[in-house]
Amino acid sequence: GIQMVSMLIFVILEEWWLIVLVNLSPFMFTLPNKGLAFAQHFGLKGAGKWYFESCRTVILNPVIAFFYANMNYHVEHHFFPSVPYYRLHALHEKMRKRYRYPHIVHGIRQLVHQLYHDGLLQRKHDISA
């Protein structure tokens, strides 16, 4: 398909770096996105309308948040999906004044710690044996 055609064009132009960029960029950029999307729901109660219980907000560095389209404000996004990404931070500030967030983490390090606490990468042992 289109990847083969683009690779052929890059070979003809002797732009080898573009082959790597075009073919690897979907994997490089979707992995963090999918990881954060997974993390915002892992270990929490199932789907429901009280999104404070079914998802978490992750406070990220503003640069990372920008490239993630502020979807780190995940609770806010679920309550108000029509709010544009550039207004999610302001919405978060307003909601923090009114509501208690049971699942909010600050930064990737705290997120990883919380995911581990919630059972990610832990083996469940059967103690009934």
N, C-alpha and C. Protein backbone atom coordinates (compact mmCIF):
# COMPACT_ATOMS: atom_id res chain seq x y z
N GLY A 1 0.79 -1.17 0.00
CA GLY A 1 0.00 0.00 0.00
C GLY A 1 0.85 1.26 0.00
N ILE A 2 0.32 2.22 0.68
CA ILE A 2 0.92 3.56 0.71
C ILE A 2 2.31 3.55 1.35
N GLN A 3 2.54 2.67 2.32
CA GLN A 3 3.86 2.61 2.95
C GLN A 3 4.90 2.12 1.95
N MET A 4 4.55 1.14 1.16
CA MET A 4 5.50 0.63 0.17
C MET A 4 5.82 1.70 -0.87
N VAL A 5 4.81 2.44 -1.30
CA VAL A 5 5.03 3.51 -2.28
C VAL A 5 5.92 4.59 -1.67
N SER A 6 5.63 4.98 -0.43
CA SER A 6 6.45 6.02 0.20
C SER A 6 7.88 5.53 0.41
N MET A 7 8.05 4.26 0.78
CA MET A 7 9.40 3.73 0.95
C MET A 7 10.16 3.74 -0.38
N LEU A 8 9.50 3.38 -1.46
CA LEU A 8 10.13 3.40 -2.78
C LEU A 8 10.57 4.82 -3.15
N ILE A 9 9.71 5.79 -2.88
CA ILE A 9 10.04 7.19 -3.17
C ILE A 9 11.25 7.62 -2.34
N PHE A 10 11.28 7.24 -1.07
CA PHE A 10 12.40 7.62 -0.19
C PHE A 10 13.70 6.95 -0.64
N VAL A 11 13.62 5.73 -1.14
CA VAL A 11 14.82 5.04 -1.65
C VAL A 11 15.32 5.75 -2.90
N ILE A 12 14.41 6.10 -3.79
CA ILE A 12 14.80 6.81 -5.01
C ILE A 12 15.45 8.15 -4.67
N LEU A 13 14.89 8.85 -3.67
CA LEU A 13 15.43 10.15 -3.26
C LEU A 13 16.65 10.03 -2.35
N GLU A 14 16.97 8.78 -1.96
CA GLU A 14 18.06 8.49 -1.03
C GLU A 14 17.87 9.20 0.31
N GLU A 15 16.65 9.22 0.76
CA GLU A 15 16.29 9.79 2.07
C GLU A 15 15.96 8.65 3.02
N TRP A 16 16.99 7.91 3.42
CA TRP A 16 16.82 6.72 4.24
C TRP A 16 16.17 7.03 5.59
N TRP A 17 16.50 8.15 6.17
CA TRP A 17 15.96 8.51 7.49
C TRP A 17 14.43 8.63 7.45
N LEU A 18 13.88 9.02 6.30
CA LEU A 18 12.42 9.12 6.18
C LEU A 18 11.74 7.75 6.23
N ILE A 19 12.44 6.73 5.74
CA ILE A 19 11.88 5.37 5.82
C ILE A 19 11.68 5.00 7.28
N VAL A 20 12.69 5.25 8.09
CA VAL A 20 12.61 4.94 9.51
C VAL A 20 11.53 5.79 10.18
N LEU A 21 11.54 7.08 9.91
CA LEU A 21 10.58 7.98 10.54
C LEU A 21 9.14 7.62 10.20
N VAL A 22 8.85 7.41 8.94
CA VAL A 22 7.49 7.14 8.50
C VAL A 22 7.00 5.77 9.01
N ASN A 23 7.89 4.79 9.03
CA ASN A 23 7.47 3.45 9.43
C ASN A 23 7.45 3.24 10.93
N LEU A 24 8.26 3.96 11.68
CA LEU A 24 8.31 3.77 13.13
C LEU A 24 7.48 4.79 13.90
N SER A 25 7.19 5.93 13.32
CA SER A 25 6.48 6.97 14.08
C SER A 25 5.12 6.53 14.60
N PRO A 26 4.34 5.74 13.86
CA PRO A 26 3.07 5.30 14.46
C PRO A 26 3.27 4.50 15.74
N PHE A 27 4.33 3.71 15.80
CA PHE A 27 4.59 2.93 17.01
C PHE A 27 5.15 3.79 18.13
N MET A 28 6.00 4.75 17.77
CA MET A 28 6.62 5.60 18.79
C MET A 28 5.60 6.50 19.46
N PHE A 29 4.62 6.97 18.72
CA PHE A 29 3.68 7.93 19.28
C PHE A 29 2.41 7.29 19.83
N THR A 30 2.04 6.12 19.35
CA THR A 30 0.83 5.51 19.87
C THR A 30 1.07 4.74 21.16
N LEU A 31 2.29 4.27 21.38
CA LEU A 31 2.56 3.52 22.61
C LEU A 31 2.31 4.35 23.86
N PRO A 32 2.87 5.56 23.98
CA PRO A 32 2.56 6.37 25.17
C PRO A 32 1.07 6.70 25.28
N ASN A 33 0.44 6.97 24.16
CA ASN A 33 -0.98 7.29 24.15
C ASN A 33 -1.79 6.11 24.67
N LYS A 34 -1.53 4.93 24.16
CA LYS A 34 -2.27 3.75 24.60
C LYS A 34 -1.96 3.41 26.06
N GLY A 35 -0.71 3.62 26.45
CA GLY A 35 -0.35 3.37 27.85
C GLY A 35 -1.09 4.28 28.81
N LEU A 36 -1.18 5.56 28.48
CA LEU A 36 -1.92 6.48 29.34
C LEU A 36 -3.41 6.18 29.33
N ALA A 37 -3.95 5.86 28.17
CA ALA A 37 -5.38 5.54 28.09
C ALA A 37 -5.70 4.31 28.95
N PHE A 38 -4.85 3.31 28.88
CA PHE A 38 -5.03 2.11 29.70
C PHE A 38 -4.94 2.46 31.19
N ALA A 39 -3.95 3.27 31.53
CA ALA A 39 -3.69 3.62 32.93
C ALA A 39 -4.83 4.42 33.56
N GLN A 40 -5.56 5.14 32.76
CA GLN A 40 -6.62 5.98 33.31
C GLN A 40 -7.85 5.19 33.74
N HIS A 41 -7.89 3.90 33.43
CA HIS A 41 -9.02 3.07 33.83
C HIS A 41 -8.61 1.83 34.62
N PHE A 42 -7.34 1.45 34.56
CA PHE A 42 -6.90 0.20 35.17
C PHE A 42 -7.16 0.15 36.67
N GLY A 43 -7.71 -0.96 37.11
CA GLY A 43 -7.91 -1.21 38.53
C GLY A 43 -9.07 -0.45 39.16
N LEU A 44 -9.84 0.26 38.36
CA LEU A 44 -10.94 1.04 38.89
C LEU A 44 -12.26 0.34 38.60
N LYS A 45 -13.31 0.78 39.25
CA LYS A 45 -14.62 0.17 39.06
C LYS A 45 -15.04 0.28 37.60
N GLY A 46 -15.90 -0.62 37.18
CA GLY A 46 -16.35 -0.67 35.80
C GLY A 46 -17.04 0.59 35.34
N ALA A 47 -17.48 0.55 34.12
CA ALA A 47 -18.13 1.71 33.51
C ALA A 47 -19.34 2.14 34.33
N GLY A 48 -19.47 3.41 34.47
CA GLY A 48 -20.59 3.98 35.20
C GLY A 48 -20.64 5.46 34.95
N LYS A 49 -21.69 6.09 35.40
CA LYS A 49 -21.84 7.53 35.17
C LYS A 49 -21.08 8.36 36.21
N TRP A 50 -20.71 7.76 37.34
CA TRP A 50 -19.93 8.50 38.32
C TRP A 50 -18.46 8.28 38.00
N TYR A 51 -17.96 9.09 37.09
CA TYR A 51 -16.63 8.88 36.52
C TYR A 51 -15.50 9.04 37.52
N PHE A 52 -15.76 9.63 38.68
CA PHE A 52 -14.73 9.73 39.69
C PHE A 52 -14.29 8.34 40.16
N GLU A 53 -15.17 7.36 40.01
CA GLU A 53 -14.86 5.99 40.45
C GLU A 53 -14.35 5.11 39.31
N SER A 54 -14.66 5.45 38.07
CA SER A 54 -14.30 4.57 36.96
C SER A 54 -13.09 5.03 36.16
N CYS A 55 -12.55 6.21 36.45
CA CYS A 55 -11.35 6.65 35.75
C CYS A 55 -10.57 7.61 36.64
N ARG A 56 -9.34 7.88 36.24
CA ARG A 56 -8.49 8.77 37.03
C ARG A 56 -7.95 9.90 36.17
N THR A 57 -7.70 11.01 36.84
CA THR A 57 -7.04 12.15 36.21
C THR A 57 -5.57 12.09 36.58
N VAL A 58 -4.71 12.36 35.60
CA VAL A 58 -3.27 12.35 35.80
C VAL A 58 -2.76 13.75 35.52
N ILE A 59 -2.17 14.37 36.52
CA ILE A 59 -1.60 15.71 36.32
C ILE A 59 -0.22 15.52 35.69
N LEU A 60 -0.08 16.01 34.46
CA LEU A 60 1.16 15.84 33.72
C LEU A 60 1.87 17.16 33.51
N ASN A 61 3.13 17.07 33.16
CA ASN A 61 3.90 18.22 32.71
C ASN A 61 3.13 18.87 31.56
N PRO A 62 3.04 20.20 31.51
CA PRO A 62 2.24 20.86 30.46
C PRO A 62 2.65 20.49 29.03
N VAL A 63 3.92 20.22 28.80
CA VAL A 63 4.36 19.84 27.45
C VAL A 63 3.81 18.46 27.08
N ILE A 64 3.94 17.51 28.00
CA ILE A 64 3.41 16.17 27.75
C ILE A 64 1.89 16.25 27.61
N ALA A 65 1.24 17.02 28.48
CA ALA A 65 -0.22 17.16 28.41
C ALA A 65 -0.65 17.73 27.06
N PHE A 66 0.11 18.69 26.53
CA PHE A 66 -0.21 19.27 25.23
C PHE A 66 -0.18 18.21 24.14
N PHE A 67 0.88 17.38 24.12
CA PHE A 67 0.98 16.36 23.08
C PHE A 67 -0.03 15.23 23.29
N TYR A 68 -0.57 15.14 24.49
CA TYR A 68 -1.62 14.15 24.78
C TYR A 68 -3.01 14.79 24.66
N ALA A 69 -3.06 16.00 24.16
CA ALA A 69 -4.31 16.76 23.95
C ALA A 69 -5.10 16.89 25.25
N ASN A 70 -4.39 17.03 26.37
CA ASN A 70 -5.00 17.21 27.69
C ASN A 70 -5.97 16.09 28.07
N MET A 71 -5.84 14.93 27.43
CA MET A 71 -6.71 13.81 27.81
C MET A 71 -6.30 13.23 29.16
N ASN A 72 -5.22 13.75 29.74
CA ASN A 72 -4.86 13.35 31.10
C ASN A 72 -5.91 13.84 32.10
N TYR A 73 -6.68 14.85 31.73
CA TYR A 73 -7.81 15.29 32.54
C TYR A 73 -8.99 14.39 32.16
N HIS A 74 -8.85 13.13 32.51
CA HIS A 74 -9.75 12.10 32.00
C HIS A 74 -11.12 12.11 32.67
N VAL A 75 -11.15 12.34 33.96
CA VAL A 75 -12.44 12.44 34.65
C VAL A 75 -13.26 13.57 34.04
N GLU A 76 -12.62 14.69 33.86
CA GLU A 76 -13.29 15.87 33.30
C GLU A 76 -13.79 15.58 31.88
N HIS A 77 -12.95 14.91 31.10
CA HIS A 77 -13.31 14.56 29.73
C HIS A 77 -14.55 13.66 29.70
N HIS A 78 -14.64 12.71 30.63
CA HIS A 78 -15.80 11.82 30.64
C HIS A 78 -17.08 12.54 31.07
N PHE A 79 -16.97 13.42 32.06
CA PHE A 79 -18.15 14.16 32.49
C PHE A 79 -18.63 15.14 31.41
N PHE A 80 -17.69 15.78 30.73
CA PHE A 80 -18.03 16.80 29.74
C PHE A 80 -17.26 16.55 28.44
N PRO A 81 -17.66 15.54 27.66
CA PRO A 81 -16.91 15.18 26.45
C PRO A 81 -16.90 16.25 25.36
N SER A 82 -17.81 17.21 25.42
CA SER A 82 -17.84 18.23 24.38
C SER A 82 -16.92 19.41 24.68
N VAL A 83 -16.30 19.44 25.85
CA VAL A 83 -15.36 20.51 26.17
C VAL A 83 -14.09 20.31 25.34
N PRO A 84 -13.64 21.34 24.63
CA PRO A 84 -12.44 21.19 23.81
C PRO A 84 -11.20 20.95 24.69
N TYR A 85 -10.22 20.27 24.12
CA TYR A 85 -9.03 19.88 24.87
C TYR A 85 -8.33 21.06 25.55
N TYR A 86 -8.34 22.22 24.93
CA TYR A 86 -7.62 23.36 25.48
C TYR A 86 -8.36 24.00 26.67
N ARG A 87 -9.56 23.54 26.97
CA ARG A 87 -10.31 24.04 28.13
C ARG A 87 -10.38 23.02 29.28
N LEU A 88 -9.82 21.83 29.08
CA LEU A 88 -9.91 20.80 30.10
C LEU A 88 -9.17 21.16 31.39
N HIS A 89 -8.04 21.83 31.28
CA HIS A 89 -7.31 22.23 32.49
C HIS A 89 -8.15 23.20 33.34
N ALA A 90 -8.75 24.18 32.70
CA ALA A 90 -9.60 25.14 33.43
C ALA A 90 -10.80 24.43 34.04
N LEU A 91 -11.39 23.50 33.31
CA LEU A 91 -12.50 22.71 33.85
C LEU A 91 -12.03 21.92 35.07
N HIS A 92 -10.85 21.35 34.98
CA HIS A 92 -10.29 20.61 36.11
C HIS A 92 -10.17 21.49 37.35
N GLU A 93 -9.67 22.69 37.17
CA GLU A 93 -9.51 23.61 38.31
C GLU A 93 -10.86 23.93 38.95
N LYS A 94 -11.89 24.12 38.15
CA LYS A 94 -13.23 24.39 38.69
C LYS A 94 -13.79 23.17 39.41
N MET A 95 -13.61 22.01 38.83
CA MET A 95 -14.16 20.80 39.44
C MET A 95 -13.44 20.45 40.74
N ARG A 96 -12.14 20.74 40.81
CA ARG A 96 -11.38 20.44 42.03
C ARG A 96 -11.91 21.23 43.22
N LYS A 97 -12.47 22.38 42.96
CA LYS A 97 -13.02 23.20 44.04
C LYS A 97 -14.35 22.64 44.56
N ARG A 98 -15.05 21.88 43.73
CA ARG A 98 -16.38 21.37 44.11
C ARG A 98 -16.39 19.90 44.52
N TYR A 99 -15.49 19.12 43.95
CA TYR A 99 -15.56 17.67 44.14
C TYR A 99 -14.26 17.11 44.70
N ARG A 100 -14.40 15.98 45.38
CA ARG A 100 -13.24 15.24 45.87
C ARG A 100 -12.87 14.22 44.80
N TYR A 101 -11.63 14.21 44.40
CA TYR A 101 -11.14 13.26 43.40
C TYR A 101 -10.52 12.06 44.12
N PRO A 102 -11.17 10.91 44.10
CA PRO A 102 -10.57 9.75 44.77
C PRO A 102 -9.40 9.15 44.00
N HIS A 103 -9.34 9.40 42.69
CA HIS A 103 -8.30 8.79 41.86
C HIS A 103 -7.61 9.86 41.02
N ILE A 104 -6.70 10.57 41.64
CA ILE A 104 -5.91 11.56 40.93
C ILE A 104 -4.45 11.31 41.27
N VAL A 105 -3.60 11.35 40.28
CA VAL A 105 -2.18 11.16 40.51
C VAL A 105 -1.42 12.31 39.86
N HIS A 106 -0.27 12.60 40.42
CA HIS A 106 0.56 13.71 39.94
C HIS A 106 1.83 13.14 39.32
N GLY A 107 1.87 13.13 38.00
CA GLY A 107 3.06 12.71 37.28
C GLY A 107 3.09 11.22 36.97
N ILE A 108 3.99 10.89 36.07
CA ILE A 108 4.13 9.51 35.60
C ILE A 108 4.63 8.59 36.72
N ARG A 109 5.57 9.07 37.52
CA ARG A 109 6.10 8.24 38.61
C ARG A 109 4.99 7.82 39.57
N GLN A 110 4.17 8.76 39.98
CA GLN A 110 3.07 8.43 40.88
C GLN A 110 2.03 7.54 40.19
N LEU A 111 1.83 7.74 38.90
CA LEU A 111 0.92 6.90 38.14
C LEU A 111 1.39 5.45 38.13
N VAL A 112 2.68 5.25 37.85
CA VAL A 112 3.23 3.89 37.83
C VAL A 112 3.10 3.25 39.21
N HIS A 113 3.39 4.01 40.25
CA HIS A 113 3.24 3.50 41.61
C HIS A 113 1.79 3.09 41.89
N GLN A 114 0.85 3.92 41.46
CA GLN A 114 -0.57 3.63 41.68
C GLN A 114 -1.00 2.39 40.90
N LEU A 115 -0.53 2.26 39.67
CA LEU A 115 -0.88 1.09 38.86
C LEU A 115 -0.35 -0.18 39.51
N TYR A 116 0.86 -0.11 40.03
CA TYR A 116 1.43 -1.27 40.72
C TYR A 116 0.59 -1.60 41.96
N HIS A 117 0.24 -0.57 42.69
CA HIS A 117 -0.60 -0.75 43.89
C HIS A 117 -1.95 -1.38 43.52
N ASP A 118 -2.47 -1.02 42.35
CA ASP A 118 -3.76 -1.54 41.89
C ASP A 118 -3.65 -2.94 41.28
N GLY A 119 -2.45 -3.49 41.23
CA GLY A 119 -2.29 -4.87 40.79
C GLY A 119 -1.59 -5.09 39.47
N LEU A 120 -1.19 -4.04 38.78
CA LEU A 120 -0.48 -4.23 37.52
C LEU A 120 0.88 -4.86 37.79
N LEU A 121 1.21 -5.87 37.05
CA LEU A 121 2.48 -6.60 37.14
C LEU A 121 2.64 -7.41 38.41
N GLN A 122 1.61 -7.54 39.17
CA GLN A 122 1.69 -8.35 40.38
C GLN A 122 1.04 -9.69 40.11
N ARG A 123 1.65 -10.73 40.62
CA ARG A 123 1.06 -12.06 40.50
C ARG A 123 0.09 -12.23 41.65
N LYS A 124 -1.07 -12.71 41.33
CA LYS A 124 -2.08 -12.98 42.35
C LYS A 124 -1.85 -14.39 42.88
N HIS A 125 -1.63 -14.51 44.17
CA HIS A 125 -1.39 -15.81 44.79
C HIS A 125 -2.67 -16.33 45.42
N ASP A 126 -2.93 -17.60 45.20
CA ASP A 126 -4.09 -18.24 45.81
C ASP A 126 -3.64 -18.78 47.16
N ILE A 127 -4.16 -18.18 48.24
CA ILE A 127 -3.74 -18.60 49.58
C ILE A 127 -4.68 -19.65 50.17
N SER A 128 -5.67 -20.09 49.39
CA SER A 128 -6.63 -21.05 49.90
C SER A 128 -6.09 -22.48 49.83
N ALA A 129 -5.02 -22.69 49.10
CA ALA A 129 -4.48 -24.05 48.91
C ALA A 129 -3.77 -24.58 50.14
